[in-house]
């Protein structure tokens, strides 16, 4: 089983995620997501939403085998994931003057 994940160049990490172990965690997410024990913040594929918080265990579902995800953040638990989204919103508001998170995050890679 392999999941197609693309990572934001400035990956936002929760306090419990150690950057020096990030490579190992990413490999686990892509090969055995059920055992990773983390939450992902991904850009929503739905036009009416901006971001989604997913328990990495959801990646074992067949839907994710055929749909790629753009990961912008990794957190150790749901509360930490919500804090990351809040941090992203504050950063976006400071930089752009709005909370168009999807546009802000995607523009960081292509603008």
C-alpha atoms as a PDB file:
ATOM      1  CA  UNK A   1       0.000   0.000   0.000  1.00  0.00           C
ATOM      2  CA  UNK A   2       1.299   3.421  -0.917  1.00  0.00           C
ATOM      3  CA  UNK A   3      -0.333   6.811  -0.505  1.00  0.00           C
ATOM      4  CA  UNK A   4       0.469   9.742  -2.803  1.00  0.00           C
ATOM      5  CA  UNK A   5       1.420  12.595  -0.508  1.00  0.00           C
ATOM      6  CA  UNK A   6       3.015  15.856  -1.569  1.00  0.00           C
ATOM      7  CA  UNK A   7       4.493  18.075   1.124  1.00  0.00           C
ATOM      8  CA  UNK A   8       4.493  21.849   1.370  1.00  0.00           C
ATOM      9  CA  UNK A   9       8.079  23.178   1.247  1.00  0.00           C
ATOM     10  CA  UNK A  10       7.510  24.988   4.557  1.00  0.00           C
ATOM     11  CA  UNK A  11       5.867  22.073   6.348  1.00  0.00           C
ATOM     12  CA  UNK A  12       4.177  23.275   9.535  1.00  0.00           C
ATOM     13  CA  UNK A  13       4.911  20.995  12.486  1.00  0.00           C
ATOM     14  CA  UNK A  14       3.139  20.672  15.812  1.00  0.00           C
ATOM     15  CA  UNK A  15       5.172  20.975  19.004  1.00  0.00           C
ATOM     16  CA  UNK A  16       5.287  17.204  19.510  1.00  0.00           C
ATOM     17  CA  UNK A  17       6.739  16.509  16.037  1.00  0.00           C
ATOM     18  CA  UNK A  18      10.535  16.452  16.021  1.00  0.00           C
ATOM     19  CA  UNK A  19      12.124  17.756  12.845  1.00  0.00           C
ATOM     20  CA  UNK A  20      15.087  15.372  13.107  1.00  0.00           C
ATOM     21  CA  UNK A  21      12.683  12.392  12.938  1.00  0.00           C
ATOM     22  CA  UNK A  22      10.567  13.890  10.153  1.00  0.00           C
ATOM     23  CA  UNK A  23      12.097  11.787   7.361  1.00  0.00           C
ATOM     24  CA  UNK A  24      11.285   8.559   9.175  1.00  0.00           C
ATOM     25  CA  UNK A  25       7.753   9.782   9.930  1.00  0.00           C
ATOM     26  CA  UNK A  26       7.149  10.691   6.285  1.00  0.00           C
ATOM     27  CA  UNK A  27       8.257   7.235   5.143  1.00  0.00           C
ATOM     28  CA  UNK A  28       5.881   5.682   7.665  1.00  0.00           C
ATOM     29  CA  UNK A  29       3.022   7.896   6.467  1.00  0.00           C
ATOM     30  CA  UNK A  30       3.568   6.832   2.886  1.00  0.00           C
ATOM     31  CA  UNK A  31       3.994   3.095   3.528  1.00  0.00           C
ATOM     32  CA  UNK A  32       2.157   2.296   6.789  1.00  0.00           C
ATOM     33  CA  UNK A  33      -0.011   5.306   7.700  1.00  0.00           C
ATOM     34  CA  UNK A  34      -2.105   3.328  10.180  1.00  0.00           C
ATOM     35  CA  UNK A  35       0.876   3.160  12.532  1.00  0.00           C
ATOM     36  CA  UNK A  36       2.090   6.754  12.221  1.00  0.00           C
ATOM     37  CA  UNK A  37      -0.037   8.151  15.076  1.00  0.00           C
ATOM     38  CA  UNK A  38      -0.255  11.672  13.682  1.00  0.00           C
ATOM     39  CA  UNK A  39      -2.771  14.091  12.234  1.00  0.00           C
ATOM     40  CA  UNK A  40      -2.306  15.756   8.873  1.00  0.00           C
ATOM     41  CA  UNK A  41      -3.406  19.183   7.757  1.00  0.00           C
ATOM     42  CA  UNK A  42      -4.070  19.019   4.039  1.00  0.00           C
ATOM     43  CA  UNK A  43      -5.322  21.445   1.414  1.00  0.00           C
ATOM     44  CA  UNK A  44      -8.936  20.562   0.792  1.00  0.00           C
ATOM     45  CA  UNK A  45      -9.870  19.132  -2.594  1.00  0.00           C
ATOM     46  CA  UNK A  46     -13.353  20.542  -2.009  1.00  0.00           C
ATOM     47  CA  UNK A  47     -13.776  24.027  -3.479  1.00  0.00           C
ATOM     48  CA  UNK A  48     -15.858  25.264  -0.552  1.00  0.00           C
ATOM     49  CA  UNK A  49     -13.316  24.284   2.131  1.00  0.00           C
ATOM     50  CA  UNK A  50      -9.752  25.458   2.657  1.00  0.00           C
ATOM     51  CA  UNK A  51      -8.052  22.869   4.851  1.00  0.00           C
ATOM     52  CA  UNK A  52      -8.856  19.476   6.314  1.00  0.00           C
ATOM     53  CA  UNK A  53      -7.538  17.762   9.411  1.00  0.00           C
ATOM     54  CA  UNK A  54      -7.141  14.021   8.894  1.00  0.00           C
ATOM     55  CA  UNK A  55      -6.131  11.305  11.284  1.00  0.00           C
ATOM     56  CA  UNK A  56      -3.335   9.590   9.342  1.00  0.00           C
ATOM     57  CA  UNK A  57      -5.066   6.258   9.958  1.00  0.00           C
ATOM     58  CA  UNK A  58      -7.691   7.375   7.429  1.00  0.00           C
ATOM     59  CA  UNK A  59      -5.091   7.023   4.675  1.00  0.00           C
ATOM     60  CA  UNK A  60      -5.611   3.258   4.624  1.00  0.00           C
ATOM     61  CA  UNK A  61      -9.067   3.813   3.104  1.00  0.00           C
ATOM     62  CA  UNK A  62      -9.272   3.024  -0.599  1.00  0.00           C
ATOM     63  CA  UNK A  63     -10.195   6.630  -1.497  1.00  0.00           C
ATOM     64  CA  UNK A  64      -6.711   7.833  -0.547  1.00  0.00           C
ATOM     65  CA  UNK A  65      -5.026   5.164  -2.675  1.00  0.00           C
ATOM     66  CA  UNK A  66      -6.252   6.926  -5.804  1.00  0.00           C
ATOM     67  CA  UNK A  67      -6.312  10.569  -4.658  1.00  0.00           C
ATOM     68  CA  UNK A  68      -3.188  12.518  -3.802  1.00  0.00           C
ATOM     69  CA  UNK A  69      -3.039  14.895  -0.859  1.00  0.00           C
ATOM     70  CA  UNK A  70      -1.083  18.113  -0.396  1.00  0.00           C
ATOM     71  CA  UNK A  71       0.139  18.085   3.198  1.00  0.00           C
ATOM     72  CA  UNK A  72       0.866  21.469   4.779  1.00  0.00           C
ATOM     73  CA  UNK A  73       1.162  20.378   8.405  1.00  0.00           C
ATOM     74  CA  UNK A  74       1.726  17.425  10.720  1.00  0.00           C
ATOM     75  CA  UNK A  75       0.609  17.338  14.341  1.00  0.00           C
ATOM     76  CA  UNK A  76       0.762  14.801  17.140  1.00  0.00           C
ATOM     77  CA  UNK A  77      -2.943  15.045  18.041  1.00  0.00           C
ATOM     78  CA  UNK A  78      -6.143  16.792  16.980  1.00  0.00           C
ATOM     79  CA  UNK A  79      -5.763  19.717  19.408  1.00  0.00           C
ATOM     80  CA  UNK A  80      -2.267  20.363  18.130  1.00  0.00           C
ATOM     81  CA  UNK A  81      -3.579  20.243  14.556  1.00  0.00           C
ATOM     82  CA  UNK A  82      -6.200  22.869  15.394  1.00  0.00           C
ATOM     83  CA  UNK A  83      -3.445  25.043  16.904  1.00  0.00           C
ATOM     84  CA  UNK A  84      -1.451  24.706  13.674  1.00  0.00           C
ATOM     85  CA  UNK A  85      -4.462  25.822  11.624  1.00  0.00           C
ATOM     86  CA  UNK A  86      -4.857  28.812  13.952  1.00  0.00           C
ATOM     87  CA  UNK A  87      -1.169  29.656  13.493  1.00  0.00           C
ATOM     88  CA  UNK A  88      -1.570  29.376   9.711  1.00  0.00           C
ATOM     89  CA  UNK A  89      -4.602  31.674   9.777  1.00  0.00           C
ATOM     90  CA  UNK A  90      -2.740  34.287  11.838  1.00  0.00           C
ATOM     91  CA  UNK A  91       0.266  34.120   9.501  1.00  0.00           C
ATOM     92  CA  UNK A  92      -1.956  34.454   6.436  1.00  0.00           C
ATOM     93  CA  UNK A  93      -3.836  37.388   7.956  1.00  0.00           C
ATOM     94  CA  UNK A  94      -0.562  39.140   8.762  1.00  0.00           C
ATOM     95  CA  UNK A  95       0.918  38.522   5.292  1.00  0.00           C
ATOM     96  CA  UNK A  96      -2.146  39.049   3.076  1.00  0.00           C
ATOM     97  CA  UNK A  97      -4.740  40.802   5.203  1.00  0.00           C
ATOM     98  CA  UNK A  98      -7.221  37.940   4.714  1.00  0.00           C
ATOM     99  CA  UNK A  99      -7.651  34.290   5.596  1.00  0.00           C
ATOM    100  CA  UNK A 100      -7.577  32.745   2.132  1.00  0.00           C
ATOM    101  CA  UNK A 101      -5.453  29.893   3.461  1.00  0.00           C
ATOM    102  CA  UNK A 102      -5.637  27.650   0.422  1.00  0.00           C
ATOM    103  CA  UNK A 103      -4.532  30.420  -1.924  1.00  0.00           C
ATOM    104  CA  UNK A 104      -1.833  31.574   0.525  1.00  0.00           C
ATOM    105  CA  UNK A 105      -0.326  28.096   0.921  1.00  0.00           C
ATOM    106  CA  UNK A 106      -0.462  27.188  -2.762  1.00  0.00           C
ATOM    107  CA  UNK A 107       1.005  30.560  -3.757  1.00  0.00           C
ATOM    108  CA  UNK A 108       4.027  29.941  -1.514  1.00  0.00           C
ATOM    109  CA  UNK A 109       5.022  27.116  -3.833  1.00  0.00           C
ATOM    110  CA  UNK A 110       4.189  28.601  -7.219  1.00  0.00           C
ATOM    111  CA  UNK A 111       4.081  32.413  -6.991  1.00  0.00           C
END
